[in-house]
C-alpha cells in the first residue's frame, strides 16, 4: 500500500490541483517514495543481481525496491517536508496556506 494510503496512480491523479494539506502531504510523500525508488534502482545497477538475471528475479527486485522505498518514505528523508514547504510558499503567494488549510 502506498505511503499516503493511495492505491494507484489514478488515485493520485484525482488529487491533482487540490491544495488542501492532506492532499499535498500525500502527493509529497509519494514523490519522496518515487525518488527513493529511482535511487535504489540506480544503486542496484552497479552490483551483480542477487536473484539471477531471469524475469522472476527482476520482477521480485522491482517490487522489493518499490516497497522498500515506501518504507523509507514513511520514515522520511526530509524531501517530503521540502516539497510541502515549497508548495506552501507558492500557495501563500496565491492566497492559501497548505499547513493550516486557511486562506491567507
C-alpha atoms as a PDB file:
ATOM      1  CA  UNK A   1       0.000   0.000   0.000  1.00  0.00           C
ATOM      2  CA  UNK A   2       1.392   3.405  -0.879  1.00  0.00           C
ATOM      3  CA  UNK A   3       2.632   5.718   1.796  1.00  0.00           C
ATOM      4  CA  UNK A   4      -0.301   8.081   1.944  1.00  0.00           C
ATOM      5  CA  UNK A   5      -2.999   5.429   1.580  1.00  0.00           C
ATOM      6  CA  UNK A   6      -3.382   5.926  -2.161  1.00  0.00           C
ATOM      7  CA  UNK A   7      -3.536   2.631  -4.060  1.00  0.00           C
ATOM      8  CA  UNK A   8      -2.879   3.672  -7.627  1.00  0.00           C
ATOM      9  CA  UNK A   9      -1.557   6.301  -9.954  1.00  0.00           C
ATOM     10  CA  UNK A  10      -5.156   7.015 -10.922  1.00  0.00           C
ATOM     11  CA  UNK A  11      -5.981   7.876  -7.327  1.00  0.00           C
ATOM     12  CA  UNK A  12      -3.022  10.262  -7.254  1.00  0.00           C
ATOM     13  CA  UNK A  13      -4.353  11.868 -10.431  1.00  0.00           C
ATOM     14  CA  UNK A  14      -7.563  12.665  -8.534  1.00  0.00           C
ATOM     15  CA  UNK A  15      -5.509  14.761  -6.122  1.00  0.00           C
ATOM     16  CA  UNK A  16      -4.153  16.877  -8.978  1.00  0.00           C
ATOM     17  CA  UNK A  17      -4.856  20.533  -8.379  1.00  0.00           C
ATOM     18  CA  UNK A  18      -6.082  20.081  -4.807  1.00  0.00           C
ATOM     19  CA  UNK A  19      -4.436  22.411  -2.343  1.00  0.00           C
ATOM     20  CA  UNK A  20      -5.626  21.067   1.000  1.00  0.00           C
ATOM     21  CA  UNK A  21      -2.927  19.953   3.446  1.00  0.00           C
ATOM     22  CA  UNK A  22      -3.758  16.240   3.378  1.00  0.00           C
ATOM     23  CA  UNK A  23      -3.659  16.006  -0.420  1.00  0.00           C
ATOM     24  CA  UNK A  24      -0.404  17.931  -0.678  1.00  0.00           C
ATOM     25  CA  UNK A  25       1.243  15.793   2.009  1.00  0.00           C
ATOM     26  CA  UNK A  26       0.050  12.586   0.301  1.00  0.00           C
ATOM     27  CA  UNK A  27       1.455  13.653  -3.054  1.00  0.00           C
ATOM     28  CA  UNK A  28       4.707  14.867  -1.444  1.00  0.00           C
ATOM     29  CA  UNK A  29       5.099  11.529   0.333  1.00  0.00           C
ATOM     30  CA  UNK A  30       4.565   9.621  -2.915  1.00  0.00           C
ATOM     31  CA  UNK A  31       7.065  11.887  -4.680  1.00  0.00           C
ATOM     32  CA  UNK A  32       9.621  11.104  -1.986  1.00  0.00           C
ATOM     33  CA  UNK A  33       8.911   7.370  -2.402  1.00  0.00           C
ATOM     34  CA  UNK A  34       9.356   7.629  -6.186  1.00  0.00           C
ATOM     35  CA  UNK A  35      12.641   9.483  -5.738  1.00  0.00           C
ATOM     36  CA  UNK A  36      13.911   6.820  -3.336  1.00  0.00           C
ATOM     37  CA  UNK A  37      12.787   4.041  -5.697  1.00  0.00           C
ATOM     38  CA  UNK A  38      14.731   5.574  -8.585  1.00  0.00           C
ATOM     39  CA  UNK A  39      17.759   5.936  -6.340  1.00  0.00           C
ATOM     40  CA  UNK A  40      17.525   2.257  -5.323  1.00  0.00           C
ATOM     41  CA  UNK A  41      17.195   1.147  -8.950  1.00  0.00           C
ATOM     42  CA  UNK A  42      20.275   3.146  -9.895  1.00  0.00           C
ATOM     43  CA  UNK A  43      22.210   1.699  -6.984  1.00  0.00           C
ATOM     44  CA  UNK A  44      21.178  -1.843  -7.939  1.00  0.00           C
ATOM     45  CA  UNK A  45      22.508  -1.387 -11.460  1.00  0.00           C
ATOM     46  CA  UNK A  46      26.002  -1.062 -10.025  1.00  0.00           C
ATOM     47  CA  UNK A  47      26.051  -4.525  -8.386  1.00  0.00           C
ATOM     48  CA  UNK A  48      25.530  -8.110  -9.519  1.00  0.00           C
ATOM     49  CA  UNK A  49      21.916  -9.363  -9.431  1.00  0.00           C
ATOM     50  CA  UNK A  50      21.040 -11.052  -6.136  1.00  0.00           C
ATOM     51  CA  UNK A  51      18.499 -13.437  -7.627  1.00  0.00           C
ATOM     52  CA  UNK A  52      19.928 -14.170 -11.054  1.00  0.00           C
ATOM     53  CA  UNK A  53      19.255 -12.491 -14.372  1.00  0.00           C
ATOM     54  CA  UNK A  54      15.852 -14.046 -15.051  1.00  0.00           C
ATOM     55  CA  UNK A  55      12.497 -12.360 -15.285  1.00  0.00           C
ATOM     56  CA  UNK A  56      11.467 -13.629 -11.841  1.00  0.00           C
ATOM     57  CA  UNK A  57      14.470 -12.045 -10.156  1.00  0.00           C
ATOM     58  CA  UNK A  58      13.895  -8.745 -11.980  1.00  0.00           C
ATOM     59  CA  UNK A  59      10.218  -8.660 -11.035  1.00  0.00           C
ATOM     60  CA  UNK A  60      10.965  -9.519  -7.414  1.00  0.00           C
ATOM     61  CA  UNK A  61      13.676  -6.875  -7.094  1.00  0.00           C
ATOM     62  CA  UNK A  62      11.423  -4.259  -8.707  1.00  0.00           C
ATOM     63  CA  UNK A  63       8.616  -4.979  -6.250  1.00  0.00           C
ATOM     64  CA  UNK A  64      11.099  -5.116  -3.375  1.00  0.00           C
ATOM     65  CA  UNK A  65      12.544  -1.724  -4.335  1.00  0.00           C
ATOM     66  CA  UNK A  66       9.034  -0.238  -4.534  1.00  0.00           C
ATOM     67  CA  UNK A  67       8.083  -1.452  -1.059  1.00  0.00           C
ATOM     68  CA  UNK A  68      11.464  -0.544   0.407  1.00  0.00           C
ATOM     69  CA  UNK A  69      11.155   2.983  -0.989  1.00  0.00           C
ATOM     70  CA  UNK A  70       7.702   3.346   0.564  1.00  0.00           C
ATOM     71  CA  UNK A  71       9.027   2.258   3.945  1.00  0.00           C
ATOM     72  CA  UNK A  72      11.888   4.758   3.678  1.00  0.00           C
ATOM     73  CA  UNK A  73       9.395   7.477   2.732  1.00  0.00           C
ATOM     74  CA  UNK A  74       7.222   6.669   5.770  1.00  0.00           C
ATOM     75  CA  UNK A  75      10.206   7.396   7.989  1.00  0.00           C
ATOM     76  CA  UNK A  76      11.111  10.333   5.794  1.00  0.00           C
ATOM     77  CA  UNK A  77      14.351  11.579   4.362  1.00  0.00           C
ATOM     78  CA  UNK A  78      13.299  15.220   4.507  1.00  0.00           C
ATOM     79  CA  UNK A  79      12.339  15.539   0.852  1.00  0.00           C
ATOM     80  CA  UNK A  80       8.619  15.403   1.655  1.00  0.00           C
ATOM     81  CA  UNK A  81       8.943  18.310   4.082  1.00  0.00           C
ATOM     82  CA  UNK A  82      10.833  20.346   1.495  1.00  0.00           C
ATOM     83  CA  UNK A  83       8.176  19.677  -1.171  1.00  0.00           C
ATOM     84  CA  UNK A  84       5.369  20.699   1.190  1.00  0.00           C
ATOM     85  CA  UNK A  85       7.287  23.826   2.221  1.00  0.00           C
ATOM     86  CA  UNK A  86       7.817  24.868  -1.398  1.00  0.00           C
ATOM     87  CA  UNK A  87       4.176  24.247  -2.286  1.00  0.00           C
ATOM     88  CA  UNK A  88       3.124  26.142   0.819  1.00  0.00           C
ATOM     89  CA  UNK A  89       5.220  29.141  -0.229  1.00  0.00           C
ATOM     90  CA  UNK A  90       3.716  29.003  -3.727  1.00  0.00           C
ATOM     91  CA  UNK A  91       0.180  28.758  -2.385  1.00  0.00           C
ATOM     92  CA  UNK A  92       0.727  31.566   0.133  1.00  0.00           C
ATOM     93  CA  UNK A  93       1.524  33.783  -2.817  1.00  0.00           C
ATOM     94  CA  UNK A  94      -1.750  32.599  -4.347  1.00  0.00           C
ATOM     95  CA  UNK A  95      -3.609  33.128  -1.051  1.00  0.00           C
ATOM     96  CA  UNK A  96      -3.826  29.640   0.527  1.00  0.00           C
ATOM     97  CA  UNK A  97      -1.807  28.129   3.408  1.00  0.00           C
ATOM     98  CA  UNK A  98      -1.434  24.338   2.951  1.00  0.00           C
ATOM     99  CA  UNK A  99      -0.430  23.516   6.517  1.00  0.00           C
ATOM    100  CA  UNK A 100      -3.495  25.166   8.072  1.00  0.00           C
ATOM    101  CA  UNK A 101      -5.943  24.885   5.145  1.00  0.00           C
ATOM    102  CA  UNK A 102      -6.824  28.542   5.728  1.00  0.00           C
ATOM    103  CA  UNK A 103      -6.971  31.471   3.373  1.00  0.00           C
ATOM    104  CA  UNK A 104      -4.142  33.914   3.974  1.00  0.00           C
END
